[in-house]
Protein backbone atom coordinates (compact mmCIF):
# COMPACT_ATOMS: atom_id res chain seq x y z
CA MET A 1 -0.24 86.87 -210.23
CA ALA A 2 -1.68 87.91 -206.88
CA SER A 3 -5.11 89.49 -206.71
CA LEU A 4 -5.28 93.23 -206.10
CA THR A 5 -7.11 92.68 -202.82
CA GLU A 6 -4.14 90.70 -201.51
CA VAL A 7 -1.45 93.32 -202.07
CA TRP A 8 -3.16 96.69 -202.22
CA PRO A 9 -3.32 98.93 -199.09
CA ALA A 10 -6.64 98.25 -197.35
CA GLU A 11 -7.58 101.93 -197.08
CA LEU A 12 -7.50 102.24 -200.86
CA LEU A 13 -10.11 99.52 -201.26
CA GLU A 14 -12.87 101.48 -199.52
CA VAL A 15 -15.86 101.87 -201.78
CA LEU A 16 -16.96 105.33 -200.68
CA PRO A 17 -13.94 107.56 -200.06
CA GLU A 18 -15.95 110.71 -199.62
CA GLU A 19 -13.66 112.63 -197.27
CA ASP A 20 -12.31 115.81 -198.79
CA HIS A 21 -8.79 116.64 -197.69
CA GLU A 22 -7.87 120.28 -198.18
CA ARG A 23 -4.30 120.82 -199.26
CA LYS A 24 -2.58 123.45 -197.18
CA GLU A 25 0.79 124.81 -198.13
CA THR A 26 2.49 126.57 -195.23
CA HIS A 27 4.57 129.62 -195.96
CA SER A 28 8.09 128.96 -194.64
CA GLU A 29 8.62 132.47 -193.27
CA THR A 30 5.25 133.34 -191.75
CA GLY A 31 3.98 129.88 -190.83
CA LEU A 32 0.60 130.76 -192.38
CA THR A 33 -1.36 128.71 -194.89
CA GLN A 34 -2.08 130.21 -198.31
CA ASN A 35 -5.69 130.97 -197.30
CA GLU A 36 -4.56 132.65 -194.09
CA ARG A 37 -2.01 134.76 -195.96
CA ASP A 38 -4.67 135.81 -198.48
CA LEU A 39 -6.98 136.91 -195.66
CA SER A 40 -4.25 138.70 -193.75
CA THR A 41 -3.22 140.78 -196.77
CA SER A 42 -6.69 141.53 -198.16
CA GLU A 43 -8.30 144.92 -197.52
CA PRO A 44 -12.08 144.93 -196.88
CA ASP A 45 -14.23 147.77 -198.20
CA PHE A 46 -15.21 150.25 -195.49
CA VAL A 47 -17.61 153.17 -195.21
CA ALA A 48 -17.44 155.99 -192.65
CA THR A 49 -20.42 156.29 -190.29
CA ASN A 50 -20.18 158.99 -187.61
CA GLN A 51 -16.39 158.68 -187.58
CA VAL A 52 -16.67 154.92 -186.99
CA MET A 53 -15.33 152.68 -189.73
CA GLU A 54 -17.76 149.87 -190.54
CA PRO A 55 -17.60 147.32 -193.38
CA GLU A 56 -20.20 147.81 -196.13
CA TRP A 57 -21.88 144.49 -195.35
CA HIS A 58 -22.51 145.52 -191.73
CA GLY A 59 -26.05 144.62 -190.65
CA ILE A 60 -27.09 143.13 -194.01
CA LEU A 61 -28.44 139.75 -192.92
CA GLU A 62 -31.85 139.66 -194.60
CA THR A 63 -31.23 136.96 -197.19
CA PRO A 64 -34.37 134.85 -197.74
CA THR A 65 -32.65 132.33 -200.06
CA LEU A 66 -29.67 131.77 -197.73
CA ILE A 67 -31.26 128.53 -196.56
CA PHE A 68 -31.27 127.07 -200.06
CA VAL A 69 -27.61 127.97 -200.65
CA ILE A 70 -26.38 125.88 -197.70
CA ASP A 71 -29.10 123.22 -197.68
CA GLY A 72 -26.65 120.51 -198.67
CA SER A 73 -24.15 121.25 -195.92
CA ASP A 74 -23.62 119.16 -192.80
CA TYR A 75 -26.61 119.69 -190.51
CA ARG A 76 -24.18 120.63 -187.72
CA VAL A 77 -23.02 123.60 -189.80
CA GLN A 78 -26.64 124.68 -190.17
CA ASP A 79 -27.16 124.26 -186.44
CA PHE A 80 -24.08 126.36 -185.67
CA LEU A 81 -25.18 129.16 -188.01
CA ALA A 82 -28.65 129.33 -186.44
CA ARG A 83 -27.21 129.40 -182.92
CA LEU A 84 -24.82 132.16 -183.94
CA LEU A 85 -27.71 134.23 -185.31
CA ARG A 86 -29.56 133.73 -182.02
CA GLN A 87 -26.68 135.38 -180.24
CA ILE A 88 -26.67 138.24 -182.75
CA ALA A 89 -30.42 138.68 -182.25
CA LYS A 90 -29.72 139.39 -178.58
CA ASN A 91 -27.22 142.12 -179.51
CA THR A 92 -27.80 145.35 -177.59
CA THR A 93 -25.25 147.52 -179.42
CA CYS A 94 -26.21 147.03 -183.09
CA GLU A 95 -29.87 147.38 -184.02
CA LEU A 96 -29.20 146.58 -187.67
CA CYS A 97 -27.59 143.28 -186.73
CA LYS A 98 -30.34 142.47 -184.27
CA THR A 99 -33.10 143.22 -186.78
CA GLY A 100 -31.45 141.28 -189.61
CA ALA A 101 -30.71 138.24 -187.48
CA SER A 102 -34.28 138.17 -186.16
CA PHE A 103 -35.63 138.27 -189.70
CA GLN A 104 -33.41 135.35 -190.71
CA LEU A 105 -34.38 133.37 -187.62
CA LEU A 106 -38.06 133.80 -188.48
CA LEU A 107 -37.44 132.05 -191.78
CA PHE A 108 -35.40 129.38 -190.03
CA HIS A 109 -38.33 128.77 -187.67
CA ARG A 110 -40.86 128.36 -190.49
CA LEU A 111 -38.57 126.21 -192.65
CA GLY A 112 -36.98 124.10 -189.91
CA PHE A 113 -33.42 125.27 -190.40
CA GLY A 114 -31.10 124.77 -187.42
CA PRO A 115 -32.18 123.75 -183.90
CA GLU A 116 -35.87 123.51 -183.11
CA SER A 117 -37.43 126.78 -181.96
CA THR A 118 -40.67 127.65 -180.17
CA ASP A 119 -43.60 129.81 -181.28
CA GLN A 120 -42.81 132.20 -178.44
CA GLU A 121 -39.29 132.69 -179.75
CA ALA A 122 -40.70 133.27 -183.23
CA LYS A 123 -43.07 135.95 -181.85
CA GLU A 124 -40.11 137.76 -180.26
CA TRP A 125 -38.15 137.62 -183.52
CA LEU A 126 -41.18 138.93 -185.42
CA ASP A 127 -41.40 141.94 -183.09
CA THR A 128 -37.67 142.61 -183.32
CA ALA A 129 -37.60 142.27 -187.12
CA GLY A 130 -40.33 144.88 -187.33
CA ILE A 131 -42.52 143.02 -189.82
CA THR A 132 -46.01 141.56 -189.63
CA ALA A 133 -47.10 137.96 -189.96
CA THR A 134 -48.72 138.91 -193.28
CA VAL A 135 -45.39 140.15 -194.65
CA LEU A 136 -43.66 136.98 -193.45
CA ASN A 137 -46.28 134.82 -195.17
CA SER A 138 -45.77 136.81 -198.36
CA ILE A 139 -42.01 136.17 -198.20
CA ILE A 140 -42.64 132.44 -197.76
CA GLU A 141 -44.90 132.49 -200.81
CA ASP A 142 -42.17 134.19 -202.83
CA LEU A 143 -39.71 131.50 -201.72
CA LYS A 144 -41.90 128.85 -203.29
CA VAL A 145 -40.91 130.11 -206.74
CA ALA A 146 -37.48 131.53 -205.88
CA LYS A 147 -34.45 130.28 -207.78
CA MET A 148 -31.04 129.92 -206.21
CA LYS A 149 -29.04 132.90 -207.46
CA ASN A 150 -25.68 132.16 -205.86
CA SER A 151 -23.85 131.31 -209.07
CA SER A 152 -20.60 130.44 -207.32
CA VAL A 153 -22.31 127.75 -205.21
CA ILE A 154 -24.08 126.34 -208.26
CA GLU A 155 -20.83 126.30 -210.24
CA LEU A 156 -18.96 124.49 -207.46
CA SER A 157 -21.74 121.90 -207.23
CA GLN A 158 -21.59 121.32 -210.98
CA LEU A 159 -17.85 120.82 -210.69
CA GLY A 160 -18.46 118.00 -208.25
CA TYR A 161 -17.59 119.70 -204.96
CA ARG A 162 -19.95 117.65 -202.83
CA THR A 163 -19.49 115.35 -199.91
CA ASN A 164 -21.24 112.26 -198.56
CA VAL A 165 -22.52 113.75 -195.33
CA ALA A 166 -24.51 110.60 -194.50
CA ALA A 167 -21.33 108.54 -194.33
CA GLN A 168 -19.72 111.26 -192.22
CA TYR A 169 -22.62 111.20 -189.74
CA HIS A 170 -22.21 107.45 -189.45
CA ARG A 171 -18.48 107.76 -188.80
CA ASP A 172 -19.05 110.51 -186.21
CA GLY A 173 -21.76 108.59 -184.37
CA VAL A 174 -24.46 111.26 -184.87
CA GLN A 175 -26.70 109.29 -187.18
CA GLU A 176 -29.72 109.33 -184.85
CA GLU A 177 -29.48 113.09 -184.45
CA ALA A 178 -29.18 113.48 -188.24
CA LYS A 179 -32.27 111.34 -188.85
CA SER A 180 -34.29 113.39 -186.40
CA TYR A 181 -33.07 116.62 -187.98
CA TYR A 182 -33.90 115.70 -191.59
CA ARG A 183 -37.29 114.25 -190.65
CA ARG A 184 -38.25 117.52 -188.94
CA VAL A 185 -36.84 119.73 -191.69
CA SER A 186 -38.49 117.72 -194.47
CA ALA A 187 -41.87 117.94 -192.79
CA LEU A 188 -41.61 121.71 -192.22
CA ARG A 189 -40.35 122.38 -195.77
CA GLU A 190 -43.27 120.43 -197.18
CA LEU A 191 -45.70 122.38 -194.98
CA ALA A 192 -44.22 125.76 -195.97
CA LEU A 193 -43.07 125.24 -199.56
CA GLY A 194 -44.86 122.12 -200.80
CA GLN A 195 -43.79 118.52 -201.32
CA GLY A 196 -42.48 119.19 -204.83
CA HIS A 197 -40.17 122.09 -203.91
CA TYR A 198 -36.50 121.36 -204.57
CA SER A 199 -35.58 122.19 -200.97
CA THR A 200 -38.13 119.71 -199.63
CA LEU A 201 -36.90 117.04 -202.04
CA ASN A 202 -33.23 117.65 -201.25
CA ASN A 203 -33.84 117.17 -197.54
CA ARG A 204 -35.91 114.02 -198.14
CA HIS A 205 -33.09 112.64 -200.22
CA ALA A 206 -30.64 113.49 -197.44
CA LEU A 207 -32.87 111.57 -195.02
CA ALA A 208 -32.91 108.56 -197.35
CA ASP A 209 -29.11 108.67 -197.59
CA VAL A 210 -28.78 108.75 -193.79
CA LEU A 211 -31.14 105.78 -193.45
CA MET A 212 -29.25 103.91 -196.18
CA ALA A 213 -25.91 104.52 -194.48
CA GLY A 214 -27.38 103.06 -191.28
CA LYS A 215 -28.66 99.98 -193.16
CA GLU A 216 -32.26 100.92 -192.38
CA TYR A 217 -33.29 99.82 -195.82
CA GLU A 218 -37.05 99.52 -195.31
CA ASP A 219 -37.34 103.10 -194.01
CA ALA A 220 -35.04 104.42 -196.75
CA TRP A 221 -37.19 102.64 -199.30
CA GLU A 222 -40.36 104.37 -198.03
CA VAL A 223 -38.75 107.80 -198.30
CA ALA A 224 -37.46 107.11 -201.82
CA LEU A 225 -40.83 105.71 -202.91
CA GLN A 226 -42.63 108.89 -201.79
CA MET A 227 -40.29 110.95 -203.94
CA THR A 228 -40.72 108.82 -207.07
CA LYS A 229 -44.48 109.36 -206.95
CA LEU A 230 -44.03 113.07 -207.73
CA GLU A 231 -44.56 113.89 -211.40
CA SER A 232 -42.45 117.07 -211.15
CA LEU A 233 -39.32 115.35 -209.80
CA PRO A 234 -36.31 117.02 -211.54
CA LEU A 235 -34.29 114.70 -213.78
CA PRO A 236 -31.00 114.89 -211.78
CA LEU A 237 -32.83 114.08 -208.54
CA LYS A 238 -34.90 111.40 -210.27
CA THR A 239 -31.78 109.58 -211.44
CA ALA A 240 -30.24 109.99 -207.98
CA VAL A 241 -33.32 108.43 -206.36
CA ASN A 242 -33.38 105.64 -208.95
CA SER A 243 -29.74 104.90 -208.19
CA LEU A 244 -30.58 104.76 -204.50
CA GLN A 245 -33.54 102.47 -205.20
CA ALA A 246 -31.34 100.11 -207.23
CA GLN A 247 -29.00 99.76 -204.27
CA LEU A 248 -31.93 99.26 -201.91
CA TRP A 249 -33.46 96.55 -204.10
CA MET A 250 -30.13 94.76 -204.09
CA GLU A 251 -29.97 94.95 -200.30
CA LEU A 252 -33.60 93.78 -200.03
CA ASP A 253 -32.83 90.93 -202.47
CA ASP A 254 -35.39 92.00 -205.09
CA ARG A 255 -33.31 91.07 -208.14
CA GLU A 256 -36.01 91.63 -210.76
CA GLN A 257 -36.68 95.23 -209.74
CA ALA A 258 -32.97 95.94 -209.35
CA GLU A 259 -32.29 94.64 -212.87
CA SER A 260 -35.05 96.84 -214.33
CA THR A 261 -33.73 99.99 -212.63
CA LEU A 262 -30.13 99.24 -213.55
CA ARG A 263 -31.00 98.85 -217.23
CA GLY A 264 -32.78 102.19 -217.19
CA LEU A 265 -29.83 103.92 -215.54
CA LEU A 266 -27.34 102.37 -217.95
CA ASP A 267 -29.43 103.53 -220.92
CA HIS A 268 -29.59 107.03 -219.44
CA TRP A 269 -25.82 107.28 -218.91
CA ASP A 270 -24.99 105.83 -222.32
CA LYS A 271 -26.38 109.03 -223.83
CA PRO A 272 -24.16 112.15 -224.27
CA ALA A 273 -23.48 113.83 -220.94
CA GLU A 274 -25.44 116.97 -220.08
CA VAL A 275 -23.38 120.11 -219.58
CA GLY A 276 -22.90 120.99 -215.92
CA ASP A 277 -24.25 117.65 -214.67
CA SER A 278 -21.20 116.28 -212.86
CA GLU A 279 -23.37 114.69 -210.17
CA ARG A 280 -24.06 111.91 -212.66
CA LEU A 281 -20.40 110.88 -212.19
CA ASP A 282 -21.02 110.15 -208.51
CA ARG A 283 -24.20 108.26 -209.40
CA GLN A 284 -22.40 106.25 -212.08
CA LEU A 285 -19.87 105.22 -209.44
CA ASP A 286 -22.72 104.15 -207.16
CA LEU A 287 -24.11 102.09 -210.03
CA ILE A 288 -20.72 100.49 -210.71
CA ARG A 289 -20.65 99.32 -207.12
CA VAL A 290 -24.05 97.66 -207.55
CA LEU A 291 -22.96 96.04 -210.82
CA ARG A 292 -19.89 94.55 -209.16
CA GLY A 293 -22.03 93.22 -206.32
CA GLU A 294 -24.35 91.62 -208.88
CA GLY A 295 -21.39 89.92 -210.55
CA ARG A 296 -21.79 91.90 -213.78
CA GLY A 297 -18.08 92.55 -214.08
CA ALA A 298 -17.93 93.34 -217.80
CA GLU A 299 -20.57 96.05 -217.52
CA ALA A 300 -18.91 97.42 -214.39
CA LEU A 301 -15.57 97.62 -216.21
CA ARG A 302 -17.09 99.32 -219.24
CA LEU A 303 -18.84 101.96 -217.12
CA SER A 304 -15.72 102.40 -214.95
CA LEU A 305 -13.59 103.23 -218.00
CA LYS A 306 -16.21 105.68 -219.28
CA THR A 307 -16.63 107.34 -215.88
CA LEU A 308 -12.90 107.83 -215.29
CA ASP A 309 -12.48 109.39 -218.75
CA GLU A 310 -15.31 111.83 -217.98
CA CYS A 311 -13.92 112.64 -214.53
CA LEU A 312 -10.50 113.44 -215.97
CA ALA A 313 -12.02 115.63 -218.67
CA GLU A 314 -14.47 117.52 -216.43
CA LEU A 315 -12.92 117.53 -212.96
CA GLY A 316 -9.21 116.93 -213.42
CA PRO A 317 -6.92 114.24 -211.98
CA ALA A 318 -6.76 115.52 -208.37
CA HIS A 319 -10.51 115.77 -207.72
CA THR A 320 -11.90 113.42 -205.06
CA THR A 321 -14.51 112.02 -207.48
CA THR A 322 -11.71 111.27 -209.98
CA ILE A 323 -9.76 109.49 -207.25
CA ARG A 324 -12.86 107.46 -206.42
CA ALA A 325 -13.31 106.64 -210.13
CA THR A 326 -9.68 105.48 -210.35
CA ARG A 327 -10.23 103.17 -207.39
CA SER A 328 -13.42 101.86 -208.98
CA LEU A 329 -11.60 101.06 -212.23
CA ALA A 330 -8.84 99.19 -210.36
CA LEU A 331 -11.44 97.09 -208.55
CA ALA A 332 -13.28 96.42 -211.81
CA TYR A 333 -10.06 95.20 -213.45
CA ASP A 334 -9.36 93.04 -210.41
CA ALA A 335 -12.84 91.48 -210.49
CA GLU A 336 -12.32 90.56 -214.15
CA GLY A 337 -8.98 88.93 -213.42
CA GLN A 338 -6.95 91.59 -215.23
CA TYR A 339 -4.50 91.87 -212.36
CA GLY A 340 -1.74 93.63 -214.29
CA LYS A 341 -4.02 96.50 -215.26
CA ALA A 342 -5.45 96.52 -211.74
CA MET A 343 -2.01 96.97 -210.23
CA GLU A 344 -1.09 99.66 -212.77
CA THR A 345 -4.28 101.59 -211.97
CA GLY A 346 -3.64 101.09 -208.26
CA GLU A 347 -0.21 102.67 -208.61
CA GLN A 348 -1.81 105.66 -210.35
CA LEU A 349 -4.26 105.94 -207.47
CA ILE A 350 -1.50 105.94 -204.86
CA LYS A 351 0.26 108.75 -206.73
CA LEU A 352 -2.98 110.77 -206.89
CA LYS A 353 -3.90 110.21 -203.26
CA TYR A 354 -0.52 110.90 -201.72
CA SER A 355 1.06 113.41 -204.11
C-alpha cells in the first residue's frame, strides 16, 4: 500500500496549521453574514444627555488591565489600537474621550504597548489626563498584583482559541519588526512590573516563539533559559517553555538534554488533565512533532491517540486544535507503517477541514 505522504494532499501534511478560518454563512436575502445581521438588528443602550443621545460606554476608556487582556494578540492589532487612541486623544469635541484616551496612552508608554512613544508625548498625555506622576506610579504598582478579570477572554483561552502569531509573522514577512517589538515590550514590562510578572513572561515567550520560527535557535535558547531561571514561573508557562527547549535542543543536536526534557514532559502529560488547561493540547502536539523527528514513532502514536481523544472531548471535532491533532495522528500512523489507518484518519481530516 502506498505511503500517506505519497497520496495525501500536500497542504494537509503541514505540521503547524495554525490559521483560523472563520465560517461565515451569508443570508440569502440580505447578503449579510450572521455576525453582520446580529449587529444590524441589535439595539445599544443609550442615555439622554442635553437632548443628545449617547451610548452608556461613551468616554469610558480608563481600563488599566486592558493591556493584559489583549497581550497575546498580533502585535499589529496592538499597534493599531494605540494609534487609534492617539487620534482620540487629539479630539477637540469630546473631553471625556480625550481624557480617557490620554490616560490609556500613558500606560501604553510605560508598559511598551503599541508604537514607541517619546517622553514629551507622555508629558502631554499626563496633562490631558489630569493626573500626577505620583498617581500614575501608584496605578503601575497596583498593576503588579492585578489579576485579569475579563472572564470571557480567559474562558476562550481555556477553550483553545489561540493562534500561532509567530508563524503568521513569518508568513507575512514582518518577523524583524515583530522581534524588535517584543524585545522592547519585554524590557519595558520588566522595568515597570518585574521580570516575574505574567505579562513580562508572556511577551518573552512570544519573543522566543518569533526567534524559533525564524530558526534563530541560539537567541531563542537564551530567552527561554532566562525564563527557566525564575522560581515563580507558572506551571502552564513552565511546561510551554520546556516544550520549546526540547525542540531547540533537537535543532541544536543536543540529544541528551532533549531526551531528559521529553521524559519530563511525557510524565507530566501522563497525569490526569487539569481542568481548563487546554493549552497543554497544543504543547502535546508540539511534543509529538519532536518525537516523530527523533524516530520515536510508538511514543508519538500513543500520545497522538491520547491527544485527539482529549481534543474531541474538550474542544469538539471542528476546533482547529482538533484538526491539527487529527493530522498528527494520521502522520503518526503513517510513520509506523499503518497505512490503512493513516488513510482512514486522513479522510476524516479532509471531512473536518472542508465541511
